[in-house]
Protein backbone atom coordinates (compact mmCIF):
# COMPACT_ATOMS: atom_id res chain seq x y z
CA UNK A 1 -4.04 -26.67 1.53
CA UNK A 2 -7.58 -27.36 1.25
CA UNK A 3 -9.87 -25.74 -0.89
CA UNK A 4 -11.32 -23.56 1.85
CA UNK A 5 -7.98 -22.47 3.19
CA UNK A 6 -6.96 -21.78 -0.31
CA UNK A 7 -9.89 -19.44 -0.67
CA UNK A 8 -9.49 -17.87 2.47
CA UNK A 9 -5.65 -16.68 2.11
CA UNK A 10 -6.90 -15.88 -1.25
CA UNK A 11 -9.17 -13.42 0.68
CA UNK A 12 -7.19 -11.77 3.34
CA UNK A 13 -5.23 -10.74 0.33
CA UNK A 14 -8.19 -9.22 -0.86
CA UNK A 15 -9.26 -7.22 2.07
CA UNK A 16 -5.52 -5.78 2.38
CA UNK A 17 -5.29 -4.72 -1.14
CA UNK A 18 -8.85 -3.10 -1.05
CA UNK A 19 -7.85 0.00 0.29
CA UNK A 20 -5.09 0.48 -2.25
CA UNK A 21 -7.40 -0.24 -5.20
CA UNK A 22 -9.89 2.35 -3.94
CA UNK A 23 -7.49 4.90 -4.41
CA UNK A 24 -7.36 5.52 -8.33
CA UNK A 25 -11.57 5.04 -8.13
CA UNK A 26 -11.95 8.07 -5.53
CA UNK A 27 -9.90 10.10 -7.54
CA UNK A 28 -12.74 9.48 -10.43
CA UNK A 29 -15.42 10.11 -8.21
CA UNK A 30 -14.14 13.48 -7.26
CA UNK A 31 -14.25 14.26 -10.71
CA UNK A 32 -17.45 13.41 -11.63
CA UNK A 33 -18.61 16.46 -13.15
CA UNK A 34 -16.36 15.88 -16.37
CA UNK A 35 -16.71 13.26 -18.71
CA UNK A 36 -13.41 13.90 -19.77
CA UNK A 37 -12.12 13.59 -16.49
CA UNK A 38 -14.26 10.45 -15.60
CA UNK A 39 -12.66 8.54 -18.83
CA UNK A 40 -9.08 9.69 -18.11
CA UNK A 41 -8.94 8.57 -14.55
CA UNK A 42 -11.20 5.38 -14.28
CA UNK A 43 -8.97 2.72 -12.79
CA UNK A 44 -7.59 0.84 -15.64
CA UNK A 45 -8.91 -2.27 -16.44
CA UNK A 46 -7.02 -5.69 -17.00
CA UNK A 47 -7.78 -7.65 -20.12
CA UNK A 48 -10.28 -10.47 -19.78
CA UNK A 49 -10.22 -13.30 -17.62
CA UNK A 50 -11.45 -16.16 -19.85
CA UNK A 51 -13.14 -19.88 -17.50
CA UNK A 52 -13.31 -21.76 -16.31
CA UNK A 53 -12.43 -20.12 -13.61
CA UNK A 54 -11.20 -22.42 -10.25
CA UNK A 55 -12.88 -20.83 -7.24
CA UNK A 56 -16.26 -22.54 -8.64
CA UNK A 57 -18.48 -24.95 -6.15
CA UNK A 58 -21.90 -26.59 -7.74
CA UNK A 59 -22.04 -24.57 -10.51
CA UNK A 60 -20.90 -25.29 -14.43
CA UNK A 61 -19.66 -22.84 -16.54
CA UNK A 62 -21.64 -23.68 -20.12
CA UNK A 63 -19.62 -20.84 -22.32
CA UNK A 64 -18.40 -17.45 -22.10
CA UNK A 65 -18.62 -14.37 -24.58
CA UNK A 66 -15.73 -11.90 -24.10
CA UNK A 67 -17.35 -8.21 -24.42
CA UNK A 68 -15.60 -7.66 -27.51
CA UNK A 69 -17.54 -10.77 -29.08
CA UNK A 70 -21.12 -9.11 -28.39
CA UNK A 71 -19.96 -5.65 -29.55
CA UNK A 72 -18.65 -3.79 -26.44
CA UNK A 73 -15.85 -2.19 -27.84
CA UNK A 74 -16.26 1.33 -27.14
CA UNK A 75 -12.56 2.29 -25.50
CA UNK A 76 -13.27 3.71 -22.33
CA UNK A 77 -11.90 2.70 -19.78
CA UNK A 78 -14.40 0.88 -17.38
CA UNK A 79 -17.05 0.92 -19.91
CA UNK A 80 -17.85 -2.67 -20.96
CA UNK A 81 -20.63 -4.40 -19.72
CA UNK A 82 -23.66 -3.26 -16.89
CA UNK A 83 -27.11 -4.74 -16.29
CA UNK A 84 -28.71 -8.15 -18.44
CA UNK A 85 -32.45 -9.14 -18.28
CA UNK A 86 -34.18 -12.69 -20.34
CA UNK A 87 -36.50 -13.11 -22.49
CA UNK A 88 -37.93 -16.62 -23.85
CA UNK A 89 -39.73 -16.89 -27.30
CA UNK A 90 -43.12 -18.29 -27.70
CA UNK A 91 -41.21 -20.84 -29.51
CA UNK A 92 -38.55 -21.98 -26.40
CA UNK A 93 -35.72 -19.71 -27.77
CA UNK A 94 -33.84 -18.39 -24.95
CA UNK A 95 -32.13 -14.43 -25.05
CA UNK A 96 -29.75 -12.43 -22.75
CA UNK A 97 -30.49 -9.44 -22.98
CA UNK A 98 -26.97 -7.21 -22.64
CA UNK A 99 -26.67 -3.92 -21.38
CA UNK A 100 -23.27 -2.37 -22.63
CA UNK A 101 -21.69 1.01 -22.94
CA UNK A 102 -22.36 0.51 -26.63
CA UNK A 103 -26.11 -0.15 -26.43
CA UNK A 104 -28.05 -3.29 -25.50
CA UNK A 105 -26.37 -6.57 -26.83
CA UNK A 106 -28.51 -9.81 -27.51
CA UNK A 107 -27.67 -13.09 -27.25
CA UNK A 108 -29.66 -16.29 -28.22
CA UNK A 109 -28.90 -18.71 -25.41
CA UNK A 110 -31.26 -21.56 -26.31
CA UNK A 111 -27.95 -23.97 -26.23
CA UNK A 112 -25.92 -22.77 -23.49
CA UNK A 113 -22.94 -24.12 -24.83
CA UNK A 114 -23.08 -22.62 -28.23
CA UNK A 115 -24.36 -19.43 -27.66
CA UNK A 116 -25.53 -16.81 -30.79
CA UNK A 117 -25.24 -13.22 -30.75
CA UNK A 118 -27.38 -11.53 -32.66
CA UNK A 119 -26.69 -8.23 -32.93
CA UNK A 120 -26.66 -4.83 -30.54
CA UNK A 121 -29.02 -2.37 -30.06
CA UNK A 122 -26.65 0.86 -30.10
CA UNK A 123 -26.48 4.07 -28.31
CA UNK A 124 -27.27 7.15 -29.67
CA UNK A 125 -24.74 9.04 -27.21
CA UNK A 126 -21.25 6.80 -27.84
CA UNK A 127 -19.03 9.01 -26.37
CA UNK A 128 -20.84 9.54 -23.45
CA UNK A 129 -19.19 7.79 -20.31
CA UNK A 130 -22.96 7.70 -18.75
CA UNK A 131 -23.50 5.19 -21.13
CA UNK A 132 -21.98 3.03 -17.72
CA UNK A 133 -25.33 2.40 -16.32
CA UNK A 134 -27.82 0.79 -18.41
CA UNK A 135 -30.42 -1.46 -17.74
CA UNK A 136 -33.15 -3.87 -19.67
CA UNK A 137 -37.03 -4.29 -18.69
CA UNK A 138 -39.15 -6.93 -20.47
CA UNK A 139 -43.21 -6.96 -21.23
CA UNK A 140 -44.73 -9.08 -22.75
CA UNK A 141 -48.04 -8.36 -24.31
CA UNK A 142 -50.94 -10.47 -26.05
CA UNK A 143 -49.16 -10.74 -29.16
CA UNK A 144 -45.82 -9.40 -28.95
CA UNK A 145 -43.23 -9.10 -25.98
CA UNK A 146 -40.90 -5.60 -26.03
CA UNK A 147 -37.66 -4.69 -24.21
CA UNK A 148 -36.92 -1.58 -23.22
CA UNK A 149 -33.42 -0.07 -22.32
CA UNK A 150 -32.49 2.75 -19.85
CA UNK A 151 -29.33 4.14 -19.76
CA UNK A 152 -27.83 7.04 -18.00
CA UNK A 153 -26.55 8.83 -21.14
CA UNK A 154 -28.27 12.31 -22.09
CA UNK A 155 -31.02 12.63 -24.47
CA UNK A 156 -31.23 8.94 -26.09
CA UNK A 157 -34.23 7.74 -24.03
CA UNK A 158 -35.57 4.90 -23.70
CA UNK A 159 -34.83 2.05 -26.31
CA UNK A 160 -37.92 -0.47 -26.88
CA UNK A 161 -37.42 -3.32 -29.10
CA UNK A 162 -40.06 -5.82 -30.49
CA UNK A 163 -38.45 -9.06 -29.58
CA UNK A 164 -40.74 -11.52 -31.77
CA UNK A 165 -38.43 -10.61 -34.56
CA UNK A 166 -35.21 -12.03 -32.75
CA UNK A 167 -36.04 -15.75 -33.67
CA UNK A 168 -35.65 -15.18 -37.36
CA UNK A 169 -32.26 -13.35 -37.20
CA UNK A 170 -28.88 -15.27 -37.52
CA UNK A 171 -25.91 -14.81 -36.09
CA UNK A 172 -24.26 -11.15 -36.59
CA UNK A 173 -22.32 -10.88 -39.56
CA UNK A 174 -20.10 -8.91 -37.07
CA UNK A 175 -19.59 -8.02 -33.20
CA UNK A 176 -20.97 -4.43 -33.96
CA UNK A 177 -23.85 -5.45 -35.83
CA UNK A 178 -26.64 -2.69 -35.65
CA UNK A 179 -30.73 -4.08 -34.52
CA UNK A 180 -32.48 -0.71 -34.74
CA UNK A 181 -34.46 -0.07 -32.19
CA UNK A 182 -38.60 -0.18 -32.80
CA UNK A 183 -39.27 2.61 -31.07
CA UNK A 184 -37.60 5.52 -28.67
CA UNK A 185 -39.74 6.93 -25.61
CA UNK A 186 -38.60 10.97 -24.64
CA UNK A 187 -41.77 11.89 -23.52
CA UNK A 188 -42.67 14.26 -20.34
CA UNK A 189 -39.54 15.96 -20.42
CA UNK A 190 -37.53 12.30 -19.94
CA UNK A 191 -33.83 12.27 -20.53
CA UNK A 192 -31.90 9.69 -18.76
CA UNK A 193 -32.77 6.83 -16.27
CA UNK A 194 -30.94 4.77 -13.91
CA UNK A 195 -33.08 1.69 -13.52
CA UNK A 196 -36.30 0.03 -14.90
CA UNK A 197 -38.56 -2.45 -13.36
CA UNK A 198 -41.53 -4.00 -15.57
CA UNK A 199 -44.55 -5.57 -13.36
CA UNK A 200 -45.63 -7.77 -15.45
CA UNK A 201 -49.04 -8.27 -14.26
CA UNK A 202 -50.05 -4.63 -14.62
CA UNK A 203 -48.27 -3.79 -17.63
CA UNK A 204 -46.66 -0.52 -15.62
CA UNK A 205 -43.04 0.19 -16.16
CA UNK A 206 -41.13 2.02 -12.67
CA UNK A 207 -38.17 3.55 -13.87
CA UNK A 208 -35.68 4.88 -11.48
CA UNK A 209 -32.91 7.97 -11.15
CA UNK A 210 -34.65 9.74 -13.84
CA UNK A 211 -33.00 12.78 -15.27
CA UNK A 212 -35.46 15.22 -17.00
CA UNK A 213 -34.66 18.03 -19.61
CA UNK A 214 -34.42 21.71 -18.80
CA UNK A 215 -38.23 22.57 -20.58
CA UNK A 216 -41.76 21.43 -19.39
CA UNK A 217 -41.59 17.76 -18.15
CA UNK A 218 -44.32 15.96 -16.40
CA UNK A 219 -42.85 16.37 -13.15
CA UNK A 220 -43.65 20.52 -13.02
CA UNK A 221 -45.79 20.61 -10.39
CA UNK A 222 -42.92 20.00 -7.96
CA UNK A 223 -42.01 23.35 -6.27
CA UNK A 224 -38.74 23.22 -7.59
CA UNK A 225 -37.40 21.64 -11.10
CA UNK A 226 -35.49 18.96 -10.52
CA UNK A 227 -32.56 17.85 -12.38
CA UNK A 228 -31.66 13.87 -11.68
CA UNK A 229 -33.06 11.28 -9.41
CA UNK A 230 -36.65 11.25 -10.00
CA UNK A 231 -39.33 8.61 -10.62
CA UNK A 232 -41.52 8.18 -13.96
CA UNK A 233 -44.18 5.17 -14.22
CA UNK A 234 -45.35 4.11 -17.45
CA UNK A 235 -48.41 2.52 -18.71
CA UNK A 236 -47.24 0.18 -21.12
CA UNK A 237 -51.16 -1.72 -21.50
CA UNK A 238 -52.16 -0.16 -24.41
CA UNK A 239 -49.83 0.92 -26.85
CA UNK A 240 -46.05 -1.00 -26.05
CA UNK A 241 -44.18 1.53 -27.94
CA UNK A 242 -45.75 4.49 -27.31
CA UNK A 243 -46.10 4.58 -23.38
CA UNK A 244 -48.27 6.78 -21.39
CA UNK A 245 -46.70 8.47 -18.23
CA UNK A 246 -49.04 7.42 -15.53
CA UNK A 247 -47.16 9.39 -13.11
CA UNK A 248 -43.72 11.50 -12.09
CA UNK A 249 -42.57 11.80 -9.03
CA UNK A 250 -39.85 14.24 -8.41
CA UNK A 251 -37.05 13.76 -5.55
CA UNK A 252 -37.69 9.89 -5.11
CA UNK A 253 -36.38 6.89 -6.13
CA UNK A 254 -32.94 7.65 -6.69
CA UNK A 255 -31.75 4.34 -7.70
CA UNK A 256 -34.34 1.03 -8.18
CA UNK A 257 -37.92 -0.56 -7.77
CA UNK A 258 -39.33 -3.65 -6.96
CA UNK A 259 -42.74 -4.11 -7.26
CA UNK A 260 -45.18 -6.68 -6.82
CA UNK A 261 -49.11 -7.63 -6.95
CA UNK A 262 -49.40 -8.12 -2.86
CA UNK A 263 -50.04 -11.52 -1.78
CA UNK A 264 -48.42 -11.35 1.92
CA UNK A 265 -49.92 -11.22 5.32
CA UNK A 266 -50.61 -7.82 5.72
CA UNK A 267 -54.67 -7.56 5.39
CA UNK A 268 -54.30 -3.78 5.05
CA UNK A 269 -52.91 -4.19 1.38
CA UNK A 270 -53.55 -7.54 0.03
CA UNK A 271 -54.33 -7.66 -3.76
CA UNK A 272 -52.90 -3.95 -3.75
CA UNK A 273 -49.86 -3.34 -6.16
CA UNK A 274 -47.01 -2.67 -3.57
CA UNK A 275 -43.74 -0.85 -5.10
CA UNK A 276 -40.24 -1.51 -2.81
CA UNK A 277 -38.35 1.77 -3.33
CA UNK A 278 -34.38 1.84 -2.85
CA UNK A 279 -33.08 5.70 -2.67
CA UNK A 280 -30.01 5.31 -2.48
CA UNK A 281 -27.49 7.87 -0.35
CA UNK A 282 -28.35 8.83 2.95
CA UNK A 283 -26.92 12.85 2.63
CA UNK A 284 -28.69 16.35 2.78
CA UNK A 285 -29.49 18.36 0.15
CA UNK A 286 -26.82 20.51 0.69
CA UNK A 287 -24.43 17.80 0.11
CA UNK A 288 -25.54 16.40 -3.46
CA UNK A 289 -24.43 19.87 -4.73
CA UNK A 290 -27.65 20.89 -6.81
CA UNK A 291 -28.44 16.89 -8.14
CA UNK A 292 -31.66 17.07 -6.46
CA UNK A 293 -33.95 19.72 -4.85
CA UNK A 294 -36.45 19.71 -2.21
CA UNK A 295 -38.99 22.30 -1.00
CA UNK A 296 -37.30 21.86 2.72
CA UNK A 297 -33.26 22.48 2.04
CA UNK A 298 -31.60 20.71 4.91
CA UNK A 299 -33.63 18.04 5.46
CA UNK A 300 -32.61 14.30 4.44
CA UNK A 301 -33.47 13.61 0.82
CA UNK A 302 -33.04 9.64 -0.41
CA UNK A 303 -31.31 7.20 1.59
CA UNK A 304 -34.31 6.13 2.75
CA UNK A 305 -36.05 2.76 2.01
CA UNK A 306 -40.03 3.15 1.43
CA UNK A 307 -42.78 1.04 0.81
CA UNK A 308 -45.89 2.42 -1.71
CA UNK A 309 -48.88 1.84 -2.73
CA UNK A 310 -49.14 2.43 -5.91
CA UNK A 311 -52.42 1.08 -6.65
CA UNK A 312 -53.77 4.41 -8.04
CA UNK A 313 -51.38 6.08 -9.88
CA UNK A 314 -53.18 9.20 -9.23
CA UNK A 315 -52.76 9.11 -5.42
CA UNK A 316 -49.31 7.21 -4.61
CA UNK A 317 -49.60 6.28 -1.20
CA UNK A 318 -46.63 5.67 1.61
CA UNK A 319 -46.90 3.09 3.47
CA UNK A 320 -43.19 3.54 5.79
CA UNK A 321 -40.08 4.96 4.99
CA UNK A 322 -36.70 3.92 7.44
CA UNK A 323 -32.86 3.81 7.54
CA UNK A 324 -31.41 0.56 8.15
CA UNK A 325 -28.80 -0.30 10.84
CA UNK A 326 -25.45 0.29 9.38
CA UNK A 327 -26.45 0.35 5.81
CA UNK A 328 -25.14 3.07 3.63
CA UNK A 329 -26.86 2.74 0.39
CA UNK A 330 -30.02 1.35 -0.27
CA UNK A 331 -29.54 -0.05 -3.73
CA UNK A 332 -31.71 -2.79 -4.73
CA UNK A 333 -33.81 -5.34 -3.33
CA UNK A 334 -36.04 -8.21 -3.34
CA UNK A 335 -39.14 -9.87 -1.51
CA UNK A 336 -37.99 -13.62 -0.53
CA UNK A 337 -40.81 -15.36 -1.41
CA UNK A 338 -44.77 -15.26 -2.87
CA UNK A 339 -46.09 -14.27 0.05
CA UNK A 340 -43.83 -11.28 0.37
CA UNK A 341 -43.15 -11.62 3.88
CA UNK A 342 -39.23 -10.46 4.01
CA UNK A 343 -37.57 -7.75 2.15
CA UNK A 344 -33.85 -8.30 1.17
CA UNK A 345 -31.49 -5.13 0.52
CA UNK A 346 -28.13 -5.19 -0.91
CA UNK A 347 -26.04 -2.25 -0.32
CA UNK A 348 -23.17 -1.77 -2.83
CA UNK A 349 -20.68 0.35 -0.85
CA UNK A 350 -21.31 -0.53 2.86
CA UNK A 351 -17.75 -2.79 2.21
CA UNK A 352 -16.15 -0.19 0.63
CA UNK A 353 -16.88 2.74 3.51
CA UNK A 354 -15.93 -0.20 6.41
CA UNK A 355 -12.29 -0.68 4.74
CA UNK A 356 -11.44 3.06 4.49
CA UNK A 357 -10.56 5.52 7.32
CA UNK A 358 -12.43 7.93 8.82
CA UNK A 359 -11.57 10.43 6.61
CA UNK A 360 -12.51 8.23 3.66
CA UNK A 361 -14.68 9.13 0.72
CA UNK A 362 -17.23 6.75 0.84
CA UNK A 363 -17.73 7.15 4.32
CA UNK A 364 -18.21 11.31 4.03
CA UNK A 365 -19.84 11.91 0.87
CA UNK A 366 -22.30 8.84 0.73
CA UNK A 367 -22.74 7.63 3.99
CA UNK A 368 -24.01 8.69 7.62
CA UNK A 369 -22.31 6.64 10.37
CA UNK A 370 -20.13 6.42 13.09
CA UNK A 371 -19.32 2.63 13.00
CA UNK A 372 -15.37 2.12 13.12
CA UNK A 373 -13.52 0.96 9.52
CA UNK A 374 -13.15 -2.84 9.61
CA UNK A 375 -16.20 -4.00 11.33
CA UNK A 376 -17.71 -5.74 8.28
CA UNK A 377 -16.21 -9.21 7.67
CA UNK A 378 -17.68 -9.73 3.67
CA UNK A 379 -20.33 -8.38 1.50
CA UNK A 380 -23.39 -8.91 3.22
CA UNK A 381 -27.63 -8.49 2.43
CA UNK A 382 -29.80 -7.12 5.00
CA UNK A 383 -32.94 -9.00 5.79
CA UNK A 384 -35.91 -7.43 7.24
CA UNK A 385 -39.40 -8.45 8.32
CA UNK A 386 -42.13 -7.21 6.30
CA UNK A 387 -44.96 -9.19 7.10
CA UNK A 388 -46.51 -5.39 8.94
CA UNK A 389 -45.51 -3.32 5.82
CA UNK A 390 -46.18 -0.59 7.84
CA UNK A 391 -43.83 -1.23 10.40
CA UNK A 392 -40.41 -2.99 8.89
CA UNK A 393 -38.11 -5.27 12.03
CA UNK A 394 -34.56 -5.15 10.79
CA UNK A 395 -33.27 -8.89 11.25
CA UNK A 396 -29.64 -9.77 10.02
CA UNK A 397 -27.30 -8.56 7.51
CA UNK A 398 -25.99 -11.98 6.07
CA UNK A 399 -22.79 -12.11 5.07
CA UNK A 400 -20.97 -14.58 2.72
CA UNK A 401 -17.38 -15.53 2.94
CA UNK A 402 -15.17 -12.98 0.58
CA UNK A 403 -13.79 -10.22 2.51
CA UNK A 404 -12.41 -7.49 0.29
CA UNK A 405 -15.13 -7.74 -2.14
CA UNK A 406 -18.57 -5.65 -2.62
CA UNK A 407 -21.79 -6.71 -3.92
CA UNK A 408 -24.31 -5.87 -6.26
CA UNK A 409 -27.63 -7.13 -8.22
CA UNK A 410 -29.17 -10.13 -6.95
CA UNK A 411 -32.89 -11.63 -7.99
CA UNK A 412 -34.46 -14.73 -6.05
CA UNK A 413 -36.09 -17.67 -8.19
CA UNK A 414 -38.43 -19.73 -6.02
CA UNK A 415 -36.21 -20.50 -2.91
CA UNK A 416 -33.00 -19.39 -4.34
CA UNK A 417 -31.04 -15.75 -4.33
CA UNK A 418 -29.18 -15.70 -7.37
CA UNK A 419 -26.42 -12.45 -6.70
CA UNK A 420 -24.08 -10.78 -8.60
CA UNK A 421 -21.25 -9.93 -6.57
CA UNK A 422 -18.74 -8.06 -8.33
CA UNK A 423 -15.07 -8.99 -8.28
CA UNK A 424 -16.76 -12.42 -5.88
CA UNK A 425 -18.68 -13.29 -9.14
CA UNK A 426 -22.04 -15.22 -9.25
CA UNK A 427 -23.28 -16.48 -5.58
CA UNK A 428 -26.13 -18.79 -5.04
CA UNK A 429 -28.01 -18.65 -1.40
CA UNK A 430 -30.84 -21.22 -0.77
CA UNK A 431 -33.90 -19.26 1.72
CA UNK A 432 -35.95 -20.69 3.98
CA UNK A 433 -38.09 -19.55 7.05
CA UNK A 434 -37.88 -21.25 9.95
CA UNK A 435 -39.34 -20.46 13.34
CA UNK A 436 -40.42 -17.06 11.90
CA UNK A 437 -37.46 -16.16 10.90
CA UNK A 438 -35.86 -16.04 7.51
CA UNK A 439 -32.24 -18.34 6.98
CA UNK A 440 -30.01 -17.67 4.17
CA UNK A 441 -27.35 -20.45 3.61
CA UNK A 442 -24.72 -20.66 0.83
CA UNK A 443 -25.56 -23.08 -1.59
CA UNK A 444 -22.86 -22.66 -4.63
CA UNK A 445 -20.44 -19.99 -6.16
CA UNK A 446 -18.63 -19.34 -9.06
CA UNK A 447 -15.36 -16.30 -9.27
CA UNK A 448 -15.73 -15.14 -12.40
CA UNK A 449 -12.85 -12.55 -11.41
CA UNK A 450 -10.03 -14.58 -10.25
CA UNK A 451 -7.50 -11.73 -9.82
CA UNK A 452 -6.84 -10.12 -6.53
CA UNK A 453 -5.32 -6.71 -7.89
CA UNK A 454 -8.43 -6.07 -10.19
CA UNK A 455 -9.93 -2.60 -9.59
CA UNK A 456 -13.08 -1.98 -7.64
CA UNK A 457 -16.63 -1.92 -9.31
CA UNK A 458 -15.32 -4.69 -11.11
CA UNK A 459 -16.86 -8.64 -12.15
CA UNK A 460 -20.31 -9.26 -11.84
CA UNK A 461 -22.80 -5.97 -12.46
CA UNK A 462 -25.84 -8.56 -13.05
CA UNK A 463 -27.83 -12.04 -12.97
CA UNK A 464 -30.90 -13.19 -14.44
CA UNK A 465 -32.38 -16.79 -13.88
CA UNK A 466 -35.47 -17.08 -14.35
CA UNK A 467 -35.45 -18.97 -17.93
CA UNK A 468 -37.18 -22.37 -17.57
CA UNK A 469 -34.45 -24.79 -18.51
CA UNK A 470 -31.92 -23.48 -15.62
CA UNK A 471 -29.79 -21.75 -17.99
CA UNK A 472 -28.38 -19.11 -15.87
CA UNK A 473 -26.60 -15.56 -17.19
CA UNK A 474 -24.47 -13.03 -15.85
CA UNK A 475 -22.74 -9.58 -16.99
CA UNK A 476 -19.51 -9.47 -15.85
CA UNK A 477 -18.12 -5.55 -16.22
CA UNK A 478 -14.45 -6.68 -17.95
CA UNK A 479 -15.21 -10.37 -18.67
CA UNK A 480 -18.41 -10.73 -20.69
CA UNK A 481 -21.48 -12.81 -20.66
CA UNK A 482 -21.28 -15.75 -18.56
CA UNK A 483 -23.50 -18.51 -19.42
CA UNK A 484 -23.91 -21.19 -16.28
CA UNK A 485 -25.73 -23.79 -14.86
CA UNK A 486 -26.50 -25.25 -11.11
CA UNK A 487 -25.20 -28.35 -10.46
CA UNK A 488 -28.68 -30.53 -9.43
């Protein structure tokens, strides 16, 4: 049997097993109001799978560090690794900054075959299951670089770490070795957040899914006091350890930002700072159970993809707001190249919705769709032509051959997309424009979660591929830090 045929048989098995794997997950999601309930009902994760991984094409696994080896040891089911970023020091040392349920782990990956765990910036709320969600952004100032680590755990704040000290640190004496944060941000009523994106060129950090405290906040000019799913923009330039709040926007940007200094064909916005905003679920305020408020109850809040002109933080302008055909959850995105002519968006739950019957949890609680079940063949990426920022045009949903899996975060580096596709692992896609259309082509992959019966929302969470050396790092929720290279 050929490799292609073997993959097809395995993928069909994954497709059939997806509905069964959803049952335990839905039980946990229904009980999301109780931390204890989540910890007790989240599907159990298996022991980590250790590479090399047989389903690998055009990639090499240089090394792997298991969660316990980088301090991700808190015994909460499903709370191990989350998002990832990277940093290169002025002396050329390369680091993985790995979000975990226990904090931000730091690994020196200069020699990808021999990674060195330096330590972990620990969370101050170790018992909170909300540590499941974490994210890292980096800002390079003239004389220092800083990592900003966010989590959805309440009252933790943004942990800020000055990074140049890492070059002088040796291996951690034990996996839980603590590196104290250099500073913690918790101003303006900031309580927690889902994601952070730093625009290096302007020195602003864009924070999505911000939870606010009950007291006075930077968003208090809003009609209602919003509790979750707000946006903050921080000015890092003058004092990166004590950022100032440039803007707070209530009931906007539930999930993620991608921000550019615009260099595209739309002359109305050239040389402007433009934010692409991914706003999560398409449900009205009543169905959100009080998680968001709005001054027009009954109107849709969230679920859209938006484009903002954020050049003037005191006067942010909405350029366009749109929904994408068949999309369930506007999750995360990136433009296709330095001219910002196409926007790529992923949706981590459209595949799950598609595997459900008409009364399924995601179909009725996350998505507004009349599509019949089982119409999508695999994980997909939505491609839009945004050469006119005021009028985005949907081109296609690009799919990869891995039925039964769902996709997560990606980034574009030059003409390649590096994509963390949960149980399907790393996918690398070549990008090029042909005849005014964007063309995507599978180039390489490594399936770091080879087991068909692994839980949904398992496998790779995030990926980082900006290192000049070509080293690729990915955070696999259950199986640890993957350090890879692309075969030339």
